[in-house]
Amino acid sequence: MIKSKNNSEHYIWGNGCDSWILKDSQNLSIKQEVMPSGTAEKLHFHNSAEQFFYVLKGEAVFYIDDEKFSLKPGESISVLPKSKHYISNESENDLEFLVISNPSTNNDRIEV
């Protein structure tokens, strides 16, 4: 089946952030997410999952193990298991990105 935001399961997280589940299996999760200006995730880590983030629109700021990274559209970053991290939208525009997790982060998120 062809997947898009239009036919995928949707949920809202944090302070008005959107997520569309494009693929969710035990070994792989792919989500398309939108974060409004001024929103941020909570600091956390995953015991097993490696995550790959790819920015589609806007600017993402990542905090990973006490380092700060800024990404623009077309740029990506990987977060290894056990790395404490969160993503933030510190710009005035919406941030849209893909997050790919292997294995899925279901039951593998530990908030710090």
N, C-alpha and C. Protein backbone atom coordinates (compact mmCIF):
# COMPACT_ATOMS: atom_id res chain seq x y z
N MET A 1 0.83 -1.17 0.00
CA MET A 1 0.00 0.00 0.00
C MET A 1 0.89 1.25 0.00
N ILE A 2 0.52 2.24 -0.77
CA ILE A 2 1.23 3.52 -0.78
C ILE A 2 0.81 4.30 0.45
N LYS A 3 1.80 4.82 1.20
CA LYS A 3 1.53 5.53 2.44
C LYS A 3 1.85 7.01 2.28
N SER A 4 1.08 7.85 2.95
CA SER A 4 1.32 9.29 3.02
C SER A 4 0.69 9.79 4.31
N LYS A 5 0.86 11.08 4.58
CA LYS A 5 0.20 11.66 5.76
C LYS A 5 -1.31 11.52 5.65
N ASN A 6 -1.83 11.50 4.41
CA ASN A 6 -3.28 11.46 4.21
C ASN A 6 -3.93 10.15 4.60
N ASN A 7 -3.17 9.04 4.59
CA ASN A 7 -3.80 7.74 4.89
C ASN A 7 -3.09 7.00 6.02
N SER A 8 -2.30 7.73 6.83
CA SER A 8 -1.56 7.10 7.93
C SER A 8 -2.17 7.47 9.27
N GLU A 9 -1.96 6.60 10.25
CA GLU A 9 -2.39 6.89 11.62
C GLU A 9 -1.71 8.16 12.10
N HIS A 10 -2.46 9.02 12.74
CA HIS A 10 -1.97 10.32 13.21
C HIS A 10 -2.16 10.42 14.72
N TYR A 11 -1.20 11.07 15.38
CA TYR A 11 -1.38 11.41 16.79
C TYR A 11 -0.67 12.72 17.08
N ILE A 12 -1.08 13.35 18.18
CA ILE A 12 -0.48 14.61 18.63
C ILE A 12 0.33 14.33 19.88
N TRP A 13 1.55 14.87 19.92
CA TRP A 13 2.41 14.69 21.09
C TRP A 13 2.94 16.05 21.53
N GLY A 14 3.45 16.11 22.76
CA GLY A 14 4.02 17.35 23.27
C GLY A 14 3.02 18.48 23.23
N ASN A 15 3.48 19.65 22.85
CA ASN A 15 2.66 20.85 22.82
C ASN A 15 2.20 21.15 21.40
N GLY A 16 1.33 20.30 20.87
CA GLY A 16 0.76 20.52 19.54
C GLY A 16 1.60 20.02 18.38
N CYS A 17 2.47 19.05 18.63
CA CYS A 17 3.28 18.45 17.57
C CYS A 17 2.51 17.30 16.94
N ASP A 18 2.64 17.15 15.62
CA ASP A 18 1.92 16.11 14.87
C ASP A 18 2.86 14.99 14.46
N SER A 19 2.34 13.77 14.46
CA SER A 19 3.10 12.62 13.98
C SER A 19 2.19 11.73 13.15
N TRP A 20 2.70 11.30 12.00
CA TRP A 20 2.01 10.35 11.14
C TRP A 20 2.87 9.10 11.06
N ILE A 21 2.29 7.95 11.37
CA ILE A 21 3.02 6.69 11.38
C ILE A 21 2.96 6.09 9.97
N LEU A 22 4.08 6.18 9.25
CA LEU A 22 4.14 5.67 7.89
C LEU A 22 4.44 4.17 7.86
N LYS A 23 5.18 3.69 8.86
CA LYS A 23 5.53 2.27 8.97
C LYS A 23 5.79 1.98 10.44
N ASP A 24 5.25 0.90 10.94
CA ASP A 24 5.51 0.52 12.33
C ASP A 24 5.50 -1.00 12.45
N SER A 25 6.69 -1.56 12.55
CA SER A 25 6.83 -2.99 12.81
C SER A 25 7.82 -3.15 13.95
N GLN A 26 8.03 -4.36 14.38
CA GLN A 26 8.95 -4.61 15.49
C GLN A 26 10.36 -4.12 15.18
N ASN A 27 10.78 -4.26 13.92
CA ASN A 27 12.15 -3.92 13.55
C ASN A 27 12.34 -2.54 12.92
N LEU A 28 11.24 -1.87 12.56
CA LEU A 28 11.38 -0.60 11.85
C LEU A 28 10.18 0.31 12.10
N SER A 29 10.48 1.57 12.41
CA SER A 29 9.44 2.59 12.57
C SER A 29 9.82 3.79 11.73
N ILE A 30 8.87 4.30 10.93
CA ILE A 30 9.10 5.50 10.14
C ILE A 30 7.93 6.44 10.40
N LYS A 31 8.26 7.65 10.85
CA LYS A 31 7.23 8.65 11.14
C LYS A 31 7.59 9.96 10.46
N GLN A 32 6.55 10.68 10.04
CA GLN A 32 6.71 12.04 9.53
C GLN A 32 6.11 12.95 10.60
N GLU A 33 6.89 13.94 11.04
CA GLU A 33 6.45 14.76 12.15
C GLU A 33 6.56 16.24 11.83
N VAL A 34 5.68 17.03 12.47
CA VAL A 34 5.70 18.48 12.36
C VAL A 34 5.71 19.05 13.77
N MET A 35 6.68 19.95 14.01
CA MET A 35 6.79 20.64 15.29
C MET A 35 6.59 22.14 15.06
N PRO A 36 5.60 22.75 15.72
CA PRO A 36 5.43 24.19 15.60
C PRO A 36 6.61 24.94 16.24
N SER A 37 6.73 26.21 15.91
CA SER A 37 7.76 27.07 16.47
C SER A 37 7.71 27.03 18.00
N GLY A 38 8.88 26.96 18.61
CA GLY A 38 8.98 27.03 20.06
C GLY A 38 8.70 25.73 20.80
N THR A 39 8.55 24.62 20.10
CA THR A 39 8.28 23.35 20.77
C THR A 39 9.55 22.52 20.88
N ALA A 40 9.54 21.59 21.84
CA ALA A 40 10.69 20.72 22.05
C ALA A 40 10.22 19.41 22.68
N GLU A 41 10.98 18.39 22.41
CA GLU A 41 10.77 17.08 23.00
C GLU A 41 11.43 17.08 24.38
N LYS A 42 11.12 16.08 25.20
CA LYS A 42 11.78 15.93 26.51
C LYS A 42 13.04 15.10 26.34
N LEU A 43 14.04 15.39 27.16
CA LEU A 43 15.29 14.63 27.15
C LEU A 43 15.00 13.17 27.46
N HIS A 44 15.55 12.27 26.63
CA HIS A 44 15.30 10.84 26.79
C HIS A 44 16.40 10.05 26.09
N PHE A 45 16.31 8.72 26.19
CA PHE A 45 17.19 7.85 25.42
C PHE A 45 16.45 6.55 25.13
N HIS A 46 17.04 5.75 24.26
CA HIS A 46 16.49 4.44 23.91
C HIS A 46 17.56 3.39 24.18
N ASN A 47 17.18 2.30 24.81
CA ASN A 47 18.15 1.24 25.10
C ASN A 47 18.59 0.51 23.85
N SER A 48 17.67 0.27 22.92
CA SER A 48 17.96 -0.56 21.76
C SER A 48 17.92 0.17 20.43
N ALA A 49 17.05 1.13 20.29
CA ALA A 49 16.79 1.75 18.98
C ALA A 49 17.85 2.77 18.59
N GLU A 50 18.29 2.68 17.34
CA GLU A 50 19.05 3.74 16.70
C GLU A 50 18.05 4.56 15.90
N GLN A 51 18.19 5.89 15.94
CA GLN A 51 17.26 6.74 15.21
C GLN A 51 18.00 7.58 14.18
N PHE A 52 17.30 7.80 13.07
CA PHE A 52 17.82 8.61 11.97
C PHE A 52 16.79 9.69 11.69
N PHE A 53 17.18 10.95 11.75
CA PHE A 53 16.30 12.08 11.51
C PHE A 53 16.70 12.77 10.22
N TYR A 54 15.72 13.07 9.36
CA TYR A 54 15.96 13.75 8.09
C TYR A 54 15.02 14.96 8.02
N VAL A 55 15.58 16.15 7.92
CA VAL A 55 14.79 17.38 7.92
C VAL A 55 14.22 17.65 6.52
N LEU A 56 12.89 17.84 6.47
CA LEU A 56 12.19 18.15 5.22
C LEU A 56 11.99 19.65 5.06
N LYS A 57 11.57 20.32 6.13
CA LYS A 57 11.31 21.77 6.11
C LYS A 57 11.69 22.36 7.46
N GLY A 58 12.14 23.60 7.46
CA GLY A 58 12.46 24.29 8.70
C GLY A 58 13.87 23.97 9.18
N GLU A 59 14.12 24.30 10.44
CA GLU A 59 15.42 24.06 11.05
C GLU A 59 15.25 23.32 12.36
N ALA A 60 15.98 22.22 12.51
CA ALA A 60 15.92 21.40 13.73
C ALA A 60 17.17 21.65 14.56
N VAL A 61 16.98 21.68 15.86
CA VAL A 61 18.11 21.74 16.78
C VAL A 61 18.06 20.46 17.61
N PHE A 62 19.17 19.73 17.59
CA PHE A 62 19.28 18.49 18.36
C PHE A 62 20.26 18.68 19.49
N TYR A 63 19.91 18.17 20.63
CA TYR A 63 20.80 18.10 21.77
C TYR A 63 21.07 16.62 22.00
N ILE A 64 22.33 16.21 21.80
CA ILE A 64 22.69 14.80 21.92
C ILE A 64 23.91 14.70 22.81
N ASP A 65 23.75 14.05 23.96
CA ASP A 65 24.85 13.86 24.92
C ASP A 65 25.63 15.17 25.13
N ASP A 66 24.92 16.22 25.48
CA ASP A 66 25.50 17.53 25.82
C ASP A 66 26.12 18.26 24.63
N GLU A 67 25.87 17.83 23.39
CA GLU A 67 26.30 18.56 22.20
C GLU A 67 25.07 19.10 21.49
N LYS A 68 25.24 20.25 20.83
CA LYS A 68 24.13 20.88 20.09
C LYS A 68 24.43 20.84 18.60
N PHE A 69 23.42 20.43 17.81
CA PHE A 69 23.55 20.34 16.36
C PHE A 69 22.36 21.04 15.72
N SER A 70 22.61 21.85 14.68
CA SER A 70 21.54 22.51 13.92
C SER A 70 21.48 21.91 12.53
N LEU A 71 20.28 21.51 12.11
CA LEU A 71 20.09 20.90 10.80
C LEU A 71 19.09 21.70 9.97
N LYS A 72 19.39 21.81 8.69
CA LYS A 72 18.52 22.49 7.73
C LYS A 72 17.91 21.45 6.79
N PRO A 73 16.94 21.84 5.95
CA PRO A 73 16.33 20.90 5.02
C PRO A 73 17.38 20.16 4.19
N GLY A 74 17.18 18.87 4.04
CA GLY A 74 18.10 18.03 3.28
C GLY A 74 19.24 17.48 4.10
N GLU A 75 19.30 17.84 5.38
CA GLU A 75 20.35 17.32 6.26
C GLU A 75 19.78 16.29 7.22
N SER A 76 20.66 15.43 7.73
CA SER A 76 20.22 14.34 8.60
C SER A 76 21.22 14.13 9.73
N ILE A 77 20.76 13.38 10.74
CA ILE A 77 21.62 13.03 11.86
C ILE A 77 21.16 11.70 12.43
N SER A 78 22.10 10.91 12.92
CA SER A 78 21.79 9.63 13.57
C SER A 78 22.01 9.76 15.07
N VAL A 79 21.16 9.08 15.82
CA VAL A 79 21.27 9.05 17.28
C VAL A 79 21.40 7.58 17.68
N LEU A 80 22.53 7.25 18.29
CA LEU A 80 22.81 5.87 18.67
C LEU A 80 22.06 5.49 19.95
N PRO A 81 21.81 4.18 20.15
CA PRO A 81 21.17 3.73 21.38
C PRO A 81 21.93 4.24 22.61
N LYS A 82 21.17 4.52 23.66
CA LYS A 82 21.68 4.99 24.95
C LYS A 82 22.17 6.44 24.93
N SER A 83 22.10 7.13 23.79
CA SER A 83 22.48 8.54 23.73
C SER A 83 21.31 9.39 24.23
N LYS A 84 21.57 10.22 25.23
CA LYS A 84 20.54 11.12 25.75
C LYS A 84 20.34 12.23 24.72
N HIS A 85 19.08 12.46 24.33
CA HIS A 85 18.82 13.41 23.26
C HIS A 85 17.41 13.98 23.30
N TYR A 86 17.26 15.10 22.56
CA TYR A 86 15.93 15.62 22.23
C TYR A 86 16.05 16.56 21.05
N ILE A 87 14.93 16.77 20.37
CA ILE A 87 14.85 17.67 19.22
C ILE A 87 14.04 18.89 19.64
N SER A 88 14.42 20.04 19.08
CA SER A 88 13.78 21.30 19.42
C SER A 88 13.58 22.13 18.15
N ASN A 89 12.49 22.89 18.12
CA ASN A 89 12.27 23.85 17.04
C ASN A 89 12.41 25.25 17.64
N GLU A 90 13.58 25.83 17.47
CA GLU A 90 13.88 27.14 18.03
C GLU A 90 13.71 28.26 17.01
N SER A 91 13.15 27.91 15.84
CA SER A 91 12.94 28.90 14.78
C SER A 91 11.52 29.46 14.85
N GLU A 92 11.21 30.38 13.95
CA GLU A 92 9.87 30.98 13.90
C GLU A 92 8.93 30.23 12.97
N ASN A 93 9.43 29.20 12.27
CA ASN A 93 8.62 28.44 11.31
C ASN A 93 8.42 27.00 11.79
N ASP A 94 7.43 26.33 11.19
CA ASP A 94 7.22 24.92 11.48
C ASP A 94 8.45 24.10 11.06
N LEU A 95 8.69 23.03 11.76
CA LEU A 95 9.75 22.08 11.44
C LEU A 95 9.07 20.79 11.01
N GLU A 96 9.47 20.23 9.87
CA GLU A 96 8.92 18.96 9.40
C GLU A 96 10.09 18.03 9.10
N PHE A 97 9.98 16.77 9.58
CA PHE A 97 11.08 15.83 9.43
C PHE A 97 10.58 14.40 9.43
N LEU A 98 11.44 13.50 8.98
CA LEU A 98 11.21 12.06 9.08
C LEU A 98 12.07 11.54 10.22
N VAL A 99 11.54 10.60 10.99
CA VAL A 99 12.33 9.90 12.00
C VAL A 99 12.18 8.41 11.74
N ILE A 100 13.32 7.76 11.54
CA ILE A 100 13.37 6.33 11.24
C ILE A 100 14.08 5.64 12.38
N SER A 101 13.44 4.66 12.98
CA SER A 101 13.99 3.98 14.15
C SER A 101 14.13 2.49 13.88
N ASN A 102 15.28 1.95 14.27
CA ASN A 102 15.56 0.52 14.10
C ASN A 102 16.24 -0.02 15.34
N PRO A 103 15.60 -0.95 16.08
CA PRO A 103 14.21 -1.38 15.92
C PRO A 103 13.26 -0.27 16.34
N SER A 104 11.98 -0.56 16.33
CA SER A 104 10.97 0.41 16.72
C SER A 104 11.25 0.90 18.15
N THR A 105 10.86 2.14 18.42
CA THR A 105 11.04 2.69 19.77
C THR A 105 9.88 2.33 20.70
N ASN A 106 8.92 1.54 20.24
CA ASN A 106 7.82 1.12 21.11
C ASN A 106 8.38 0.43 22.35
N ASN A 107 7.98 0.91 23.52
CA ASN A 107 8.44 0.37 24.81
C ASN A 107 9.95 0.48 25.00
N ASP A 108 10.60 1.42 24.31
CA ASP A 108 12.06 1.58 24.40
C ASP A 108 12.42 3.06 24.58
N ARG A 109 11.62 3.80 25.28
CA ARG A 109 11.89 5.22 25.54
C ARG A 109 11.99 5.44 27.04
N ILE A 110 13.12 5.98 27.46
CA ILE A 110 13.34 6.24 28.88
C ILE A 110 13.58 7.73 29.04
N GLU A 111 12.66 8.43 29.72
CA GLU A 111 12.83 9.87 29.94
C GLU A 111 13.83 10.10 31.06
N VAL A 112 14.62 11.14 30.90
CA VAL A 112 15.69 11.46 31.88
C VAL A 112 15.19 12.53 32.83
